[in-house]
Structure formats: C-alpha cells, structure tokens
Amino acid sequence: MVPTILTVARSQVSQSSEAYRMIKEQIITLALSPGSLLDEAQLSEQLGIGRTPIREALIRLSLENLIIILPRRGTIVADLNASDLHKLYEIRYSKGTGDRGQGTG
C-alpha cells in the first residue's frame, strides 16, 4: 500500500504531538534544565522522531513560554519560577488523577 498525502500528514501530526508531550515532560521534570540549549538533531535522535515534528513541537512549546527560540542562535529552555512550576505540577497532578480543570483554591 502506497502512503497517501493524508496518511503521511496524520503520521507527522501524531509524531509532532508525541514529541511535544515528551519534550514538555522533560521540561516539567527538570530533566531539561532551565537555560539549557536544545539541539533539534539531538532531540530527534534521542526521541526517535524526525526533525520536522521536533521543530513543530518546539514551536508549540515556545507559544506556552516553556522554551525560547532565538533566531539564528538556537533554542533554550525558559527559566521557570516557583509559580510556573506550581502551575505545571498542578496540571500534571490533575491529569494523573482524572480531576481535570478543578483547582484547589
């Protein structure tokens, strides 16, 4: 069976979503330290995902202010303050317990 444009596009979207999820998890757990330089080729190799989905994931993460894309210089993990970490862990905890969208305060 020859892949169609639609099946290739769907595959790329799912790879992009998977890359986004995995990179975000590494940022939240501080496996990727704030201020550290991100290398697309290294992330691609580490995650086993092509560079285009990695690039798309990085763009999504920059929209959430989790990374900073510096044109012609690279991409770095944004500094996270205590409030940012609290929000991220709160979201992570609520997803893990099935208590979506309900805050404690």
C-alpha atoms as a PDB file:
ATOM      1  CA  MET A   1       0.000   0.000   0.000  1.00  0.00           C
ATOM      2  CA  VAL A   2       1.376   3.377  -1.028  1.00  0.00           C
ATOM      3  CA  PRO A   3       1.036   6.045   1.673  1.00  0.00           C
ATOM      4  CA  THR A   4      -1.203   8.912   0.665  1.00  0.00           C
ATOM      5  CA  ILE A   5      -0.592  12.549   1.466  1.00  0.00           C
ATOM      6  CA  LEU A   6      -3.326  12.326   4.112  1.00  0.00           C
ATOM      7  CA  THR A   7      -1.782   9.334   5.911  1.00  0.00           C
ATOM      8  CA  VAL A   8       1.665  10.962   5.834  1.00  0.00           C
ATOM      9  CA  ALA A   9       0.206  14.205   7.253  1.00  0.00           C
ATOM     10  CA  ARG A  10      -1.615  12.312  10.035  1.00  0.00           C
ATOM     11  CA  SER A  11       1.561  10.453  10.933  1.00  0.00           C
ATOM     12  CA  GLN A  12       3.527  13.683  11.104  1.00  0.00           C
ATOM     13  CA  VAL A  13       0.875  15.319  13.313  1.00  0.00           C
ATOM     14  CA  SER A  14       0.912  12.394  15.729  1.00  0.00           C
ATOM     15  CA  GLN A  15       4.719  12.431  15.796  1.00  0.00           C
ATOM     16  CA  SER A  16       4.641  16.170  16.465  1.00  0.00           C
ATOM     17  CA  SER A  17       2.175  15.658  19.332  1.00  0.00           C
ATOM     18  CA  GLU A  18       4.295  12.851  20.753  1.00  0.00           C
ATOM     19  CA  ALA A  19       7.460  14.979  20.514  1.00  0.00           C
ATOM     20  CA  TYR A  20       5.618  17.855  22.204  1.00  0.00           C
ATOM     21  CA  ARG A  21       4.459  15.612  25.029  1.00  0.00           C
ATOM     22  CA  MET A  22       7.885  14.048  25.605  1.00  0.00           C
ATOM     23  CA  ILE A  23       9.829  17.331  25.497  1.00  0.00           C
ATOM     24  CA  LYS A  24       7.291  19.059  27.755  1.00  0.00           C
ATOM     25  CA  GLU A  25       7.578  16.192  30.249  1.00  0.00           C
ATOM     26  CA  GLN A  26      11.366  16.610  30.284  1.00  0.00           C
ATOM     27  CA  ILE A  27      10.969  20.352  30.934  1.00  0.00           C
ATOM     28  CA  ILE A  28       8.400  19.844  33.710  1.00  0.00           C
ATOM     29  CA  THR A  29      10.500  17.213  35.472  1.00  0.00           C
ATOM     30  CA  LEU A  30      13.617  19.378  35.003  1.00  0.00           C
ATOM     31  CA  ALA A  31      15.344  16.639  33.007  1.00  0.00           C
ATOM     32  CA  LEU A  32      15.968  19.574  30.653  1.00  0.00           C
ATOM     33  CA  SER A  33      17.347  22.306  32.887  1.00  0.00           C
ATOM     34  CA  PRO A  34      16.166  25.906  32.595  1.00  0.00           C
ATOM     35  CA  GLY A  35      18.607  27.823  30.418  1.00  0.00           C
ATOM     36  CA  SER A  36      19.911  24.702  28.680  1.00  0.00           C
ATOM     37  CA  LEU A  37      20.389  24.781  24.920  1.00  0.00           C
ATOM     38  CA  LEU A  38      18.154  22.443  22.900  1.00  0.00           C
ATOM     39  CA  ASP A  39      19.572  20.777  19.813  1.00  0.00           C
ATOM     40  CA  GLU A  40      16.968  19.617  17.267  1.00  0.00           C
ATOM     41  CA  ALA A  41      19.209  16.879  15.871  1.00  0.00           C
ATOM     42  CA  GLN A  42      19.986  15.538  19.344  1.00  0.00           C
ATOM     43  CA  LEU A  43      16.305  15.600  20.375  1.00  0.00           C
ATOM     44  CA  SER A  44      15.389  13.863  17.123  1.00  0.00           C
ATOM     45  CA  GLU A  45      17.891  11.085  17.785  1.00  0.00           C
ATOM     46  CA  GLN A  46      17.017  10.780  21.485  1.00  0.00           C
ATOM     47  CA  LEU A  47      13.256  10.588  20.870  1.00  0.00           C
ATOM     48  CA  GLY A  48      13.421   8.615  17.625  1.00  0.00           C
ATOM     49  CA  ILE A  49      11.327  11.219  15.810  1.00  0.00           C
ATOM     50  CA  GLY A  50      12.161  13.230  12.678  1.00  0.00           C
ATOM     51  CA  ARG A  51      13.360  16.830  12.848  1.00  0.00           C
ATOM     52  CA  THR A  52      10.200  18.361  11.335  1.00  0.00           C
ATOM     53  CA  PRO A  53       7.914  17.052  14.132  1.00  0.00           C
ATOM     54  CA  ILE A  54      10.562  18.140  16.680  1.00  0.00           C
ATOM     55  CA  ARG A  55      10.574  21.641  15.163  1.00  0.00           C
ATOM     56  CA  GLU A  56       6.751  21.769  15.287  1.00  0.00           C
ATOM     57  CA  ALA A  57       6.781  20.648  18.933  1.00  0.00           C
ATOM     58  CA  LEU A  58       9.326  23.338  19.811  1.00  0.00           C
ATOM     59  CA  ILE A  59       7.115  25.995  18.225  1.00  0.00           C
ATOM     60  CA  ARG A  60       4.163  24.832  20.358  1.00  0.00           C
ATOM     61  CA  LEU A  61       6.329  24.870  23.481  1.00  0.00           C
ATOM     62  CA  SER A  62       7.514  28.403  22.683  1.00  0.00           C
ATOM     63  CA  LEU A  63       3.869  29.532  22.490  1.00  0.00           C
ATOM     64  CA  GLU A  64       3.479  28.226  26.052  1.00  0.00           C
ATOM     65  CA  ASN A  65       6.636  30.123  27.105  1.00  0.00           C
ATOM     66  CA  LEU A  66       8.358  26.884  28.112  1.00  0.00           C
ATOM     67  CA  ILE A  67      11.196  27.466  25.656  1.00  0.00           C
ATOM     68  CA  ILE A  68      12.679  30.498  23.953  1.00  0.00           C
ATOM     69  CA  ILE A  69      13.555  30.382  20.267  1.00  0.00           C
ATOM     70  CA  LEU A  70      16.394  32.775  19.478  1.00  0.00           C
ATOM     71  CA  PRO A  71      16.580  33.280  15.703  1.00  0.00           C
ATOM     72  CA  ARG A  72      19.977  32.266  14.295  1.00  0.00           C
ATOM     73  CA  ARG A  73      21.214  31.418  17.789  1.00  0.00           C
ATOM     74  CA  GLY A  74      19.261  28.408  18.976  1.00  0.00           C
ATOM     75  CA  THR A  75      16.551  27.325  21.359  1.00  0.00           C
ATOM     76  CA  ILE A  76      16.793  27.325  25.142  1.00  0.00           C
ATOM     77  CA  VAL A  77      14.610  26.068  27.958  1.00  0.00           C
ATOM     78  CA  ALA A  78      12.919  29.045  29.621  1.00  0.00           C
ATOM     79  CA  ASP A  79      13.623  29.859  33.247  1.00  0.00           C
ATOM     80  CA  LEU A  80      10.737  28.647  35.374  1.00  0.00           C
ATOM     81  CA  ASN A  81       9.902  30.384  38.628  1.00  0.00           C
ATOM     82  CA  ALA A  82       8.165  28.737  41.590  1.00  0.00           C
ATOM     83  CA  SER A  83       4.734  29.901  40.390  1.00  0.00           C
ATOM     84  CA  ASP A  84       5.285  28.370  36.931  1.00  0.00           C
ATOM     85  CA  LEU A  85       6.398  25.068  38.440  1.00  0.00           C
ATOM     86  CA  HIS A  86       3.415  25.024  40.798  1.00  0.00           C
ATOM     87  CA  LYS A  87       1.021  25.525  37.865  1.00  0.00           C
ATOM     88  CA  LEU A  88       2.729  22.818  35.811  1.00  0.00           C
ATOM     89  CA  TYR A  89       2.666  20.306  38.653  1.00  0.00           C
ATOM     90  CA  GLU A  90      -0.958  21.193  39.407  1.00  0.00           C
ATOM     91  CA  ILE A  91      -1.888  20.480  35.785  1.00  0.00           C
ATOM     92  CA  ARG A  92       0.168  17.301  35.783  1.00  0.00           C
ATOM     93  CA  TYR A  93      -1.402  16.118  39.036  1.00  0.00           C
ATOM     94  CA  SER A  94      -4.955  16.846  37.877  1.00  0.00           C
ATOM     95  CA  LYS A  95      -4.372  14.882  34.662  1.00  0.00           C
ATOM     96  CA  GLY A  96      -2.967  11.960  36.632  1.00  0.00           C
ATOM     97  CA  THR A  97      -5.956  11.777  38.967  1.00  0.00           C
ATOM     98  CA  GLY A  98      -8.648  12.440  36.375  1.00  0.00           C
ATOM     99  CA  ASP A  99      -9.599  15.666  38.189  1.00  0.00           C
ATOM    100  CA  ARG A 100      -9.301  17.832  35.076  1.00  0.00           C
ATOM    101  CA  GLY A 101      -9.686  21.559  35.338  1.00  0.00           C
ATOM    102  CA  GLN A 102     -10.616  21.700  39.010  1.00  0.00           C
ATOM    103  CA  GLY A 103      -8.342  23.829  41.133  1.00  0.00           C
ATOM    104  CA  THR A 104      -7.844  23.609  44.859  1.00  0.00           C
ATOM    105  CA  GLY A 105      -8.117  27.250  45.629  1.00  0.00           C
END
